[in-house]
Amino acid sequence: MPSFAGTAAPRRWIWQVSLNTCCNIDRNNKRRVATIPLAIDKDVMNDSDEVGQQIKMLYNRINKLEMFDRAIILLWLESMSYDDIAAIVGISTSAVTSRLFRIKEQLKSMSNN
């Protein structure tokens, strides 16, 4: 791994490379012509139980967030520490704290609508 300098934990480095790769792919996809998504007959999350419905609603709301906020909340849902999230996305730990608070408030306001 030529770009791994060894100054950060390997876990942080892998997350940071993954996030940057996803951001680049998303940026490139915005430049492409829109395509028709494939229809999937089988629902991965079972809508018949309450937990499955809540998880589906949560991820639908998360998908409405901006890409950077989406990355932060998804890392938090992966039980990453604030320090790790800060290192991966390239902001301070205090910025992660305040952004997570705002993101959570934004998600709550989506549920009220």
PDB file of N, CA and C in Angstrom:
ATOM      1  N   MET A   1       0.836  -1.165   0.000  1.00  0.00           N
ATOM      2  CA  MET A   1       0.000   0.000   0.000  1.00  0.00           C
ATOM      3  C   MET A   1       0.887   1.235   0.000  1.00  0.00           C
ATOM      4  N   PRO A   2       1.159   1.775  -1.165  1.00  0.00           N
ATOM      5  CA  PRO A   2       2.111   2.878  -1.268  1.00  0.00           C
ATOM      6  C   PRO A   2       1.652   4.161  -0.585  1.00  0.00           C
ATOM      7  N   SER A   3       0.337   4.414  -0.464  1.00  0.00           N
ATOM      8  CA  SER A   3      -0.108   5.679   0.123  1.00  0.00           C
ATOM      9  C   SER A   3      -0.286   5.585   1.641  1.00  0.00           C
ATOM     10  N   PHE A   4      -0.092   4.413   2.230  1.00  0.00           N
ATOM     11  CA  PHE A   4      -0.211   4.265   3.673  1.00  0.00           C
ATOM     12  C   PHE A   4       1.112   4.628   4.317  1.00  0.00           C
ATOM     13  N   ALA A   5       1.121   5.769   5.004  1.00  0.00           N
ATOM     14  CA  ALA A   5       2.358   6.270   5.613  1.00  0.00           C
ATOM     15  C   ALA A   5       2.616   5.667   6.980  1.00  0.00           C
ATOM     16  N   GLY A   6       1.620   5.037   7.574  1.00  0.00           N
ATOM     17  CA  GLY A   6       1.800   4.435   8.889  1.00  0.00           C
ATOM     18  C   GLY A   6       1.583   5.399  10.031  1.00  0.00           C
ATOM     19  N   THR A   7       1.156   6.644   9.744  1.00  0.00           N
ATOM     20  CA  THR A   7       0.929   7.622  10.813  1.00  0.00           C
ATOM     21  C   THR A   7      -0.437   7.464  11.455  1.00  0.00           C
ATOM     22  N   ALA A   8      -1.372   6.830  10.780  1.00  0.00           N
ATOM     23  CA  ALA A   8      -2.715   6.607  11.320  1.00  0.00           C
ATOM     24  C   ALA A   8      -2.936   5.104  11.480  1.00  0.00           C
ATOM     25  N   ALA A   9      -3.935   4.778  12.261  1.00  0.00           N
ATOM     26  CA  ALA A   9      -4.289   3.369  12.428  1.00  0.00           C
ATOM     27  C   ALA A   9      -4.775   2.825  11.086  1.00  0.00           C
ATOM     28  N   PRO A  10      -4.449   1.585  10.767  1.00  0.00           N
ATOM     29  CA  PRO A  10      -4.895   1.017   9.481  1.00  0.00           C
ATOM     30  C   PRO A  10      -6.403   1.096   9.279  1.00  0.00           C
ATOM     31  N   ARG A  11      -7.171   0.934  10.353  1.00  0.00           N
ATOM     32  CA  ARG A  11      -8.632   1.009  10.248  1.00  0.00           C
ATOM     33  C   ARG A  11      -9.070   2.390   9.750  1.00  0.00           C
ATOM     34  N   ARG A  12      -8.477   3.455  10.331  1.00  0.00           N
ATOM     35  CA  ARG A  12      -8.799   4.822   9.906  1.00  0.00           C
ATOM     36  C   ARG A  12      -8.417   5.036   8.449  1.00  0.00           C
ATOM     37  N   TRP A  13      -7.244   4.550   8.073  1.00  0.00           N
ATOM     38  CA  TRP A  13      -6.758   4.743   6.702  1.00  0.00           C
ATOM     39  C   TRP A  13      -7.689   4.055   5.712  1.00  0.00           C
ATOM     40  N   ILE A  14      -8.117   2.829   6.025  1.00  0.00           N
ATOM     41  CA  ILE A  14      -9.014   2.091   5.132  1.00  0.00           C
ATOM     42  C   ILE A  14     -10.341   2.828   4.998  1.00  0.00           C
ATOM     43  N   TRP A  15     -10.885   3.322   6.123  1.00  0.00           N
ATOM     44  CA  TRP A  15     -12.139   4.064   6.059  1.00  0.00           C
ATOM     45  C   TRP A  15     -11.974   5.344   5.236  1.00  0.00           C
ATOM     46  N   GLN A  16     -10.854   6.028   5.421  1.00  0.00           N
ATOM     47  CA  GLN A  16     -10.638   7.282   4.695  1.00  0.00           C
ATOM     48  C   GLN A  16     -10.506   7.020   3.196  1.00  0.00           C
ATOM     49  N   VAL A  17      -9.776   5.990   2.813  1.00  0.00           N
ATOM     50  CA  VAL A  17      -9.644   5.639   1.402  1.00  0.00           C
ATOM     51  C   VAL A  17     -11.002   5.232   0.834  1.00  0.00           C
ATOM     52  N   SER A  18     -11.760   4.454   1.598  1.00  0.00           N
ATOM     53  CA  SER A  18     -13.088   4.026   1.150  1.00  0.00           C
ATOM     54  C   SER A  18     -14.022   5.211   0.962  1.00  0.00           C
ATOM     55  N   LEU A  19     -14.018   6.124   1.926  1.00  0.00           N
ATOM     56  CA  LEU A  19     -14.875   7.302   1.834  1.00  0.00           C
ATOM     57  C   LEU A  19     -14.500   8.159   0.634  1.00  0.00           C
ATOM     58  N   ASN A  20     -13.210   8.407   0.448  1.00  0.00           N
ATOM     59  CA  ASN A  20     -12.768   9.211  -0.693  1.00  0.00           C
ATOM     60  C   ASN A  20     -13.122   8.547  -2.013  1.00  0.00           C
ATOM     61  N   THR A  21     -12.996   7.239  -2.071  1.00  0.00           N
ATOM     62  CA  THR A  21     -13.366   6.506  -3.286  1.00  0.00           C
ATOM     63  C   THR A  21     -14.853   6.656  -3.564  1.00  0.00           C
ATOM     64  N   CYS A  22     -15.674   6.510  -2.534  1.00  0.00           N
ATOM     65  CA  CYS A  22     -17.122   6.660  -2.706  1.00  0.00           C
ATOM     66  C   CYS A  22     -17.489   8.079  -3.135  1.00  0.00           C
ATOM     67  N   CYS A  23     -16.844   9.070  -2.538  1.00  0.00           N
ATOM     68  CA  CYS A  23     -17.109  10.465  -2.923  1.00  0.00           C
ATOM     69  C   CYS A  23     -16.743  10.696  -4.386  1.00  0.00           C
ATOM     70  N   ASN A  24     -15.612  10.146  -4.817  1.00  0.00           N
ATOM     71  CA  ASN A  24     -15.198  10.303  -6.214  1.00  0.00           C
ATOM     72  C   ASN A  24     -16.173   9.615  -7.159  1.00  0.00           C
ATOM     73  N   ILE A  25     -16.626   8.435  -6.793  1.00  0.00           N
ATOM     74  CA  ILE A  25     -17.592   7.715  -7.627  1.00  0.00           C
ATOM     75  C   ILE A  25     -18.894   8.497  -7.705  1.00  0.00           C
ATOM     76  N   ASP A  26     -19.347   9.020  -6.550  1.00  0.00           N
ATOM     77  CA  ASP A  26     -20.583   9.799  -6.533  1.00  0.00           C
ATOM     78  C   ASP A  26     -20.443  11.046  -7.404  1.00  0.00           C
ATOM     79  N   ARG A  27     -19.318  11.718  -7.312  1.00  0.00           N
ATOM     80  CA  ARG A  27     -19.065  12.906  -8.126  1.00  0.00           C
ATOM     81  C   ARG A  27     -19.083  12.557  -9.607  1.00  0.00           C
ATOM     82  N   ASN A  28     -18.470  11.441  -9.965  1.00  0.00           N
ATOM     83  CA  ASN A  28     -18.446  11.016 -11.367  1.00  0.00           C
ATOM     84  C   ASN A  28     -19.827  10.595 -11.848  1.00  0.00           C
ATOM     85  N   ASN A  29     -20.619   9.979 -10.978  1.00  0.00           N
ATOM     86  CA  ASN A  29     -21.959   9.550 -11.362  1.00  0.00           C
ATOM     87  C   ASN A  29     -22.875  10.730 -11.656  1.00  0.00           C
ATOM     88  N   LYS A  30     -22.653  11.848 -10.989  1.00  0.00           N
ATOM     89  CA  LYS A  30     -23.476  13.033 -11.230  1.00  0.00           C
ATOM     90  C   LYS A  30     -23.243  13.588 -12.636  1.00  0.00           C
ATOM     91  N   ARG A  31     -22.105  13.296 -13.204  1.00  0.00           N
ATOM     92  CA  ARG A  31     -21.780  13.779 -14.543  1.00  0.00           C
ATOM     93  C   ARG A  31     -22.339  12.878 -15.636  1.00  0.00           C
ATOM     94  N   ARG A  32     -22.733  11.681 -15.260  1.00  0.00           N
ATOM     95  CA  ARG A  32     -23.217  10.712 -16.243  1.00  0.00           C
ATOM     96  C   ARG A  32     -24.694  10.904 -16.535  1.00  0.00           C
ATOM     97  N   VAL A  33     -25.128  10.315 -17.628  1.00  0.00           N
ATOM     98  CA  VAL A  33     -26.536  10.333 -18.005  1.00  0.00           C
ATOM     99  C   VAL A  33     -27.314   9.440 -17.044  1.00  0.00           C
ATOM    100  N   ALA A  34     -28.492   9.896 -16.666  1.00  0.00           N
ATOM    101  CA  ALA A  34     -29.323   9.127 -15.732  1.00  0.00           C
ATOM    102  C   ALA A  34     -29.744   7.799 -16.358  1.00  0.00           C
ATOM    103  N   THR A  35     -29.769   6.771 -15.540  1.00  0.00           N
ATOM    104  CA  THR A  35     -30.181   5.446 -15.995  1.00  0.00           C
ATOM    105  C   THR A  35     -31.400   5.005 -15.211  1.00  0.00           C
ATOM    106  N   ILE A  36     -32.053   3.996 -15.690  1.00  0.00           N
ATOM    107  CA  ILE A  36     -33.220   3.443 -15.005  1.00  0.00           C
ATOM    108  C   ILE A  36     -32.737   2.345 -14.065  1.00  0.00           C
ATOM    109  N   PRO A  37     -33.051   2.460 -12.759  1.00  0.00           N
ATOM    110  CA  PRO A  37     -32.597   1.430 -11.822  1.00  0.00           C
ATOM    111  C   PRO A  37     -33.344   0.114 -12.044  1.00  0.00           C
ATOM    112  N   LEU A  38     -32.674  -0.969 -11.721  1.00  0.00           N
ATOM    113  CA  LEU A  38     -33.297  -2.287 -11.825  1.00  0.00           C
ATOM    114  C   LEU A  38     -34.322  -2.463 -10.714  1.00  0.00           C
ATOM    115  N   ALA A  39     -35.419  -3.089 -11.034  1.00  0.00           N
ATOM    116  CA  ALA A  39     -36.439  -3.383 -10.031  1.00  0.00           C
ATOM    117  C   ALA A  39     -36.092  -4.698  -9.345  1.00  0.00           C
ATOM    118  N   ILE A  40     -36.104  -4.680  -8.035  1.00  0.00           N
ATOM    119  CA  ILE A  40     -35.811  -5.884  -7.270  1.00  0.00           C
ATOM    120  C   ILE A  40     -37.114  -6.333  -6.611  1.00  0.00           C
ATOM    121  N   ASP A  41     -37.504  -7.555  -6.892  1.00  0.00           N
ATOM    122  CA  ASP A  41     -38.765  -8.071  -6.362  1.00  0.00           C
ATOM    123  C   ASP A  41     -38.691  -8.393  -4.884  1.00  0.00           C
ATOM    124  N   LYS A  42     -37.540  -8.839  -4.427  1.00  0.00           N
ATOM    125  CA  LYS A  42     -37.411  -9.244  -3.028  1.00  0.00           C
ATOM    126  C   LYS A  42     -36.927  -8.062  -2.201  1.00  0.00           C
ATOM    127  N   ASP A  43     -37.648  -7.762  -1.127  1.00  0.00           N
ATOM    128  CA  ASP A  43     -37.280  -6.678  -0.228  1.00  0.00           C
ATOM    129  C   ASP A  43     -36.286  -7.206   0.797  1.00  0.00           C
ATOM    130  N   VAL A  44     -35.132  -6.564   0.883  1.00  0.00           N
ATOM    131  CA  VAL A  44     -34.093  -7.021   1.807  1.00  0.00           C
ATOM    132  C   VAL A  44     -34.541  -6.842   3.253  1.00  0.00           C
ATOM    133  N   MET A  45     -35.146  -5.698   3.539  1.00  0.00           N
ATOM    134  CA  MET A  45     -35.646  -5.451   4.889  1.00  0.00           C
ATOM    135  C   MET A  45     -37.118  -5.830   4.932  1.00  0.00           C
ATOM    136  N   ASN A  46     -37.450  -6.656   5.865  1.00  0.00           N
ATOM    137  CA  ASN A  46     -38.816  -7.156   5.972  1.00  0.00           C
ATOM    138  C   ASN A  46     -39.729  -6.053   6.495  1.00  0.00           C
ATOM    139  N   ASP A  47     -40.678  -5.610   5.675  1.00  0.00           N
ATOM    140  CA  ASP A  47     -41.605  -4.554   6.078  1.00  0.00           C
ATOM    141  C   ASP A  47     -42.703  -5.033   7.007  1.00  0.00           C
ATOM    142  N   SER A  48     -42.813  -6.329   7.188  1.00  0.00           N
ATOM    143  CA  SER A  48     -43.919  -6.843   7.991  1.00  0.00           C
ATOM    144  C   SER A  48     -43.695  -6.628   9.487  1.00  0.00           C
ATOM    145  N   ASP A  49     -42.456  -6.476   9.915  1.00  0.00           N
ATOM    146  CA  ASP A  49     -42.227  -6.220  11.336  1.00  0.00           C
ATOM    147  C   ASP A  49     -41.873  -4.753  11.562  1.00  0.00           C
ATOM    148  N   GLU A  50     -42.110  -4.284  12.774  1.00  0.00           N
ATOM    149  CA  GLU A  50     -41.932  -2.871  13.096  1.00  0.00           C
ATOM    150  C   GLU A  50     -40.472  -2.429  13.000  1.00  0.00           C
ATOM    151  N   VAL A  51     -39.554  -3.268  13.453  1.00  0.00           N
ATOM    152  CA  VAL A  51     -38.131  -2.932  13.414  1.00  0.00           C
ATOM    153  C   VAL A  51     -37.665  -2.749  11.973  1.00  0.00           C
ATOM    154  N   GLY A  52     -38.083  -3.644  11.091  1.00  0.00           N
ATOM    155  CA  GLY A  52     -37.711  -3.537   9.682  1.00  0.00           C
ATOM    156  C   GLY A  52     -38.230  -2.254   9.059  1.00  0.00           C
ATOM    157  N   GLN A  53     -39.444  -1.849   9.432  1.00  0.00           N
ATOM    158  CA  GLN A  53     -40.012  -0.605   8.919  1.00  0.00           C
ATOM    159  C   GLN A  53     -39.241   0.596   9.433  1.00  0.00           C
ATOM    160  N   GLN A  54     -38.866   0.576  10.712  1.00  0.00           N
ATOM    161  CA  GLN A  54     -38.119   1.689  11.291  1.00  0.00           C
ATOM    162  C   GLN A  54     -36.739   1.818  10.657  1.00  0.00           C
ATOM    163  N   ILE A  55     -36.076   0.700  10.438  1.00  0.00           N
ATOM    164  CA  ILE A  55     -34.756   0.730   9.808  1.00  0.00           C
ATOM    165  C   ILE A  55     -34.866   1.275   8.395  1.00  0.00           C
ATOM    166  N   LYS A  56     -35.865   0.836   7.675  1.00  0.00           N
ATOM    167  CA  LYS A  56     -36.063   1.308   6.300  1.00  0.00           C
ATOM    168  C   LYS A  56     -36.347   2.809   6.277  1.00  0.00           C
ATOM    169  N   MET A  57     -37.181   3.299   7.210  1.00  0.00           N
ATOM    170  CA  MET A  57     -37.475   4.725   7.280  1.00  0.00           C
ATOM    171  C   MET A  57     -36.216   5.524   7.620  1.00  0.00           C
ATOM    172  N   LEU A  58     -35.403   5.005   8.541  1.00  0.00           N
ATOM    173  CA  LEU A  58     -34.172   5.687   8.920  1.00  0.00           C
ATOM    174  C   LEU A  58     -33.241   5.823   7.719  1.00  0.00           C
ATOM    175  N   TYR A  59     -33.025   4.726   6.990  1.00  0.00           N
ATOM    176  CA  TYR A  59     -32.123   4.780   5.848  1.00  0.00           C
ATOM    177  C   TYR A  59     -32.688   5.623   4.707  1.00  0.00           C
ATOM    178  N   ASN A  60     -34.008   5.676   4.562  1.00  0.00           N
ATOM    179  CA  ASN A  60     -34.603   6.576   3.565  1.00  0.00           C
ATOM    180  C   ASN A  60     -34.319   8.029   3.921  1.00  0.00           C
ATOM    181  N   ARG A  61     -34.396   8.357   5.203  1.00  0.00           N
ATOM    182  CA  ARG A  61     -34.094   9.727   5.651  1.00  0.00           C
ATOM    183  C   ARG A  61     -32.610  10.029   5.504  1.00  0.00           C
ATOM    184  N   ILE A  62     -31.768   9.076   5.841  1.00  0.00           N
ATOM    185  CA  ILE A  62     -30.321   9.281   5.703  1.00  0.00           C
ATOM    186  C   ILE A  62     -29.964   9.534   4.244  1.00  0.00           C
ATOM    187  N   ASN A  63     -30.618   8.850   3.325  1.00  0.00           N
ATOM    188  CA  ASN A  63     -30.338   9.047   1.901  1.00  0.00           C
ATOM    189  C   ASN A  63     -30.711  10.440   1.409  1.00  0.00           C
ATOM    190  N   LYS A  64     -31.547  11.157   2.150  1.00  0.00           N
ATOM    191  CA  LYS A  64     -31.930  12.521   1.775  1.00  0.00           C
ATOM    192  C   LYS A  64     -30.901  13.556   2.226  1.00  0.00           C
ATOM    193  N   LEU A  65     -29.970  13.147   3.091  1.00  0.00           N
ATOM    194  CA  LEU A  65     -28.939  14.063   3.589  1.00  0.00           C
ATOM    195  C   LEU A  65     -27.893  14.332   2.515  1.00  0.00           C
ATOM    196  N   GLU A  66     -27.133  15.413   2.718  1.00  0.00           N
ATOM    197  CA  GLU A  66     -25.993  15.693   1.846  1.00  0.00           C
ATOM    198  C   GLU A  66     -24.957  14.586   2.025  1.00  0.00           C
ATOM    199  N   MET A  67     -24.126  14.381   1.012  1.00  0.00           N
ATOM    200  CA  MET A  67     -23.179  13.269   1.012  1.00  0.00           C
ATOM    201  C   MET A  67     -22.253  13.297   2.237  1.00  0.00           C
ATOM    202  N   PHE A  68     -21.729  14.464   2.600  1.00  0.00           N
ATOM    203  CA  PHE A  68     -20.794  14.575   3.716  1.00  0.00           C
ATOM    204  C   PHE A  68     -21.495  14.217   5.032  1.00  0.00           C
ATOM    205  N   ASP A  69     -22.719  14.725   5.222  1.00  0.00           N
ATOM    206  CA  ASP A  69     -23.483  14.411   6.442  1.00  0.00           C
ATOM    207  C   ASP A  69     -23.851  12.934   6.480  1.00  0.00           C
ATOM    208  N   ARG A  70     -24.177  12.386   5.316  1.00  0.00           N
ATOM    209  CA  ARG A  70     -24.507  10.967   5.220  1.00  0.00           C
ATOM    210  C   ARG A  70     -23.310  10.118   5.659  1.00  0.00           C
ATOM    211  N   ALA A  71     -22.121  10.500   5.207  1.00  0.00           N
ATOM    212  CA  ALA A  71     -20.913   9.756   5.571  1.00  0.00           C
ATOM    213  C   ALA A  71     -20.691   9.803   7.085  1.00  0.00           C
ATOM    214  N   ILE A  72     -20.873  10.971   7.683  1.00  0.00           N
ATOM    215  CA  ILE A  72     -20.648  11.117   9.123  1.00  0.00           C
ATOM    216  C   ILE A  72     -21.637  10.258   9.914  1.00  0.00           C
ATOM    217  N   ILE A  73     -22.913  10.323   9.571  1.00  0.00           N
ATOM    218  CA  ILE A  73     -23.907   9.562  10.346  1.00  0.00           C
ATOM    219  C   ILE A  73     -23.738   8.062  10.131  1.00  0.00           C
ATOM    220  N   LEU A  74     -23.353   7.645   8.934  1.00  0.00           N
ATOM    221  CA  LEU A  74     -23.153   6.218   8.695  1.00  0.00           C
ATOM    222  C   LEU A  74     -21.929   5.698   9.439  1.00  0.00           C
ATOM    223  N   LEU A  75     -20.876   6.496   9.519  1.00  0.00           N
ATOM    224  CA  LEU A  75     -19.713   6.097  10.318  1.00  0.00           C
ATOM    225  C   LEU A  75     -20.095   6.003  11.787  1.00  0.00           C
ATOM    226  N   TRP A  76     -20.917   6.931  12.257  1.00  0.00           N
ATOM    227  CA  TRP A  76     -21.369   6.905  13.646  1.00  0.00           C
ATOM    228  C   TRP A  76     -22.219   5.664  13.899  1.00  0.00           C
ATOM    229  N   LEU A  77     -23.078   5.310  12.936  1.00  0.00           N
ATOM    230  CA  LEU A  77     -23.893   4.104  13.087  1.00  0.00           C
ATOM    231  C   LEU A  77     -23.043   2.832  13.076  1.00  0.00           C
ATOM    232  N   GLU A  78     -21.823   2.922  12.520  1.00  0.00           N
ATOM    233  CA  GLU A  78     -20.887   1.797  12.553  1.00  0.00           C
ATOM    234  C   GLU A  78     -20.116   1.747  13.872  1.00  0.00           C
ATOM    235  N   SER A  79     -20.528   2.560  14.846  1.00  0.00           N
ATOM    236  CA  SER A  79     -19.916   2.627  16.182  1.00  0.00           C
ATOM    237  C   SER A  79     -18.483   3.130  16.156  1.00  0.00           C
ATOM    238  N   MET A  80     -18.186   3.995  15.201  1.00  0.00           N
ATOM    239  CA  MET A  80     -16.857   4.599  15.145  1.00  0.00           C
ATOM    240  C   MET A  80     -16.790   5.707  16.203  1.00  0.00           C
ATOM    241  N   SER A  81     -15.612   5.908  16.775  1.00  0.00           N
ATOM    242  CA  SER A  81     -15.440   6.979  17.751  1.00  0.00           C
ATOM    243  C   SER A  81     -15.415   8.322  17.021  1.00  0.00           C
ATOM    244  N   TYR A  82     -15.690   9.394  17.762  1.00  0.00           N
ATOM    245  CA  TYR A  82     -15.677  10.732  17.166  1.00  0.00           C
ATOM    246  C   TYR A  82     -14.286  11.054  16.613  1.00  0.00           C
ATOM    247  N   ASP A  83     -13.243  10.608  17.323  1.00  0.00           N
ATOM    248  CA  ASP A  83     -11.870  10.833  16.843  1.00  0.00           C
ATOM    249  C   ASP A  83     -11.621  10.130  15.514  1.00  0.00           C
ATOM    250  N   ASP A  84     -12.094   8.888  15.405  1.00  0.00           N
ATOM    251  CA  ASP A  84     -11.922   8.145  14.156  1.00  0.00           C
ATOM    252  C   ASP A  84     -12.699   8.792  13.017  1.00  0.00           C
ATOM    253  N   ILE A  85     -13.947   9.213  13.290  1.00  0.00           N
ATOM    254  CA  ILE A  85     -14.749   9.869  12.264  1.00  0.00           C
ATOM    255  C   ILE A  85     -14.052  11.144  11.803  1.00  0.00           C
ATOM    256  N   ALA A  86     -13.535  11.909  12.750  1.00  0.00           N
ATOM    257  CA  ALA A  86     -12.842  13.161  12.419  1.00  0.00           C
ATOM    258  C   ALA A  86     -11.635  12.897  11.525  1.00  0.00           C
ATOM    259  N   ALA A  87     -10.873  11.869  11.846  1.00  0.00           N
ATOM    260  CA  ALA A  87      -9.692  11.549  11.047  1.00  0.00           C
ATOM    261  C   ALA A  87     -10.076  11.082   9.648  1.00  0.00           C
ATOM    262  N   ILE A  88     -11.169  10.330   9.543  1.00  0.00           N
ATOM    263  CA  ILE A  88     -11.582   9.790   8.244  1.00  0.00           C
ATOM    264  C   ILE A  88     -12.101  10.888   7.329  1.00  0.00           C
ATOM    265  N   VAL A  89     -12.959  11.767   7.856  1.00  0.00           N
ATOM    266  CA  VAL A  89     -13.564  12.788   6.994  1.00  0.00           C
ATOM    267  C   VAL A  89     -12.737  14.070   6.928  1.00  0.00           C
ATOM    268  N   GLY A  90     -11.745  14.208   7.799  1.00  0.00           N
ATOM    269  CA  GLY A  90     -10.828  15.340   7.713  1.00  0.00           C
ATOM    270  C   GLY A  90     -11.314  16.609   8.384  1.00  0.00           C
ATOM    271  N   ILE A  91     -12.062  16.468   9.484  1.00  0.00           N
ATOM    272  CA  ILE A  91     -12.483  17.631  10.261  1.00  0.00           C
ATOM    273  C   ILE A  91     -12.117  17.384  11.721  1.00  0.00           C
ATOM    274  N   SER A  92     -12.281  18.407  12.556  1.00  0.00           N
ATOM    275  CA  SER A  92     -11.929  18.249  13.968  1.00  0.00           C
ATOM    276  C   SER A  92     -12.987  17.423  14.700  1.00  0.00           C
ATOM    277  N   THR A  93     -12.599  16.911  15.861  1.00  0.00           N
ATOM    278  CA  THR A  93     -13.513  16.124  16.672  1.00  0.00           C
ATOM    279  C   THR A  93     -14.694  16.972  17.136  1.00  0.00           C
ATOM    280  N   SER A  94     -14.435  18.230  17.492  1.00  0.00           N
ATOM    281  CA  SER A  94     -15.535  19.104  17.921  1.00  0.00           C
ATOM    282  C   SER A  94     -16.489  19.382  16.762  1.00  0.00           C
ATOM    283  N   ALA A  95     -15.972  19.455  15.535  1.00  0.00           N
ATOM    284  CA  ALA A  95     -16.834  19.641  14.368  1.00  0.00           C
ATOM    285  C   ALA A  95     -17.708  18.406  14.141  1.00  0.00           C
ATOM    286  N   VAL A  96     -17.142  17.221  14.389  1.00  0.00           N
ATOM    287  CA  VAL A  96     -17.929  15.989  14.285  1.00  0.00           C
ATOM    288  C   VAL A  96     -19.060  16.017  15.300  1.00  0.00           C
ATOM    289  N   THR A  97     -18.758  16.427  16.521  1.00  0.00           N
ATOM    290  CA  THR A  97     -19.764  16.493  17.576  1.00  0.00           C
ATOM    291  C   THR A  97     -20.916  17.408  17.176  1.00  0.00           C
ATOM    292  N   SER A  98     -20.592  18.609  16.724  1.00  0.00           N
ATOM    293  CA  SER A  98     -21.657  19.555  16.373  1.00  0.00           C
ATOM    294  C   SER A  98     -22.402  19.116  15.109  1.00  0.00           C
ATOM    295  N   ARG A  99     -21.688  18.563  14.139  1.00  0.00           N
ATOM    296  CA  ARG A  99     -22.359  18.108  12.911  1.00  0.00           C
ATOM    297  C   ARG A  99     -23.302  16.946  13.213  1.00  0.00           C
ATOM    298  N   LEU A 100     -22.862  16.013  14.069  1.00  0.00           N
ATOM    299  CA  LEU A 100     -23.731  14.888  14.433  1.00  0.00           C
ATOM    300  C   LEU A 100     -24.991  15.374  15.140  1.00  0.00           C
ATOM    301  N   PHE A 101     -24.844  16.370  16.006  1.00  0.00           N
ATOM    302  CA  PHE A 101     -26.016  16.928  16.675  1.00  0.00           C
ATOM    303  C   PHE A 101     -26.978  17.507  15.640  1.00  0.00           C
ATOM    304  N   ARG A 102     -26.458  18.293  14.701  1.00  0.00           N
ATOM    305  CA  ARG A 102     -27.308  18.894  13.665  1.00  0.00           C
ATOM    306  C   ARG A 102     -27.933  17.835  12.762  1.00  0.00           C
ATOM    307  N   ILE A 103     -27.163  16.820  12.429  1.00  0.00           N
ATOM    308  CA  ILE A 103     -27.677  15.739  11.573  1.00  0.00           C
ATOM    309  C   ILE A 103     -28.820  15.015  12.273  1.00  0.00           C
ATOM    310  N   LYS A 104     -28.634  14.713  13.552  1.00  0.00           N
ATOM    311  CA  LYS A 104     -29.685  14.024  14.309  1.00  0.00           C
ATOM    312  C   LYS A 104     -30.947  14.886  14.383  1.00  0.00           C
ATOM    313  N   GLU A 105     -30.769  16.195  14.597  1.00  0.00           N
ATOM    314  CA  GLU A 105     -31.913  17.097  14.629  1.00  0.00           C
ATOM    315  C   GLU A 105     -32.604  17.135  13.262  1.00  0.00           C
ATOM    316  N   GLN A 106     -31.813  17.127  12.208  1.00  0.00           N
ATOM    317  CA  GLN A 106     -32.362  17.126  10.856  1.00  0.00           C
ATOM    318  C   GLN A 106     -33.172  15.850  10.613  1.00  0.00           C
ATOM    319  N   LEU A 107     -32.647  14.710  11.043  1.00  0.00           N
ATOM    320  CA  LEU A 107     -33.369  13.448  10.892  1.00  0.00           C
ATOM    321  C   LEU A 107     -34.671  13.449  11.707  1.00  0.00           C
ATOM    322  N   LYS A 108     -34.622  14.033  12.916  1.00  0.00           N
ATOM    323  CA  LYS A 108     -35.835  14.122  13.716  1.00  0.00           C
ATOM    324  C   LYS A 108     -36.875  15.005  13.045  1.00  0.00           C
ATOM    325  N   SER A 109     -36.440  16.114  12.460  1.00  0.00           N
ATOM    326  CA  SER A 109     -37.395  17.023  11.804  1.00  0.00           C
ATOM    327  C   SER A 109     -38.011  16.350  10.579  1.00  0.00           C
ATOM    328  N   MET A 110     -37.268  15.465   9.918  1.00  0.00           N
ATOM    329  CA  MET A 110     -37.819  14.721   8.792  1.00  0.00           C
ATOM    330  C   MET A 110     -38.945  13.801   9.258  1.00  0.00           C
ATOM    331  N   SER A 111     -38.841  13.290  10.485  1.00  0.00           N
ATOM    332  CA  SER A 111     -39.870  12.389  10.983  1.00  0.00           C
ATOM    333  C   SER A 111     -41.128  13.151  11.359  1.00  0.00           C
ATOM    334  N   ASN A 112     -40.995  14.444  11.647  1.00  0.00           N
ATOM    335  CA  ASN A 112     -42.161  15.252  11.998  1.00  0.00           C
ATOM    336  C   ASN A 112     -42.938  15.703  10.772  1.00  0.00           C
ATOM    337  N   ASN A 113     -42.312  15.607   9.605  1.00  0.00           N
ATOM    338  CA  ASN A 113     -42.973  16.058   8.370  1.00  0.00           C
ATOM    339  C   ASN A 113     -43.840  14.994   7.779  1.00  0.00           C
TER     340      ASN A 113
END
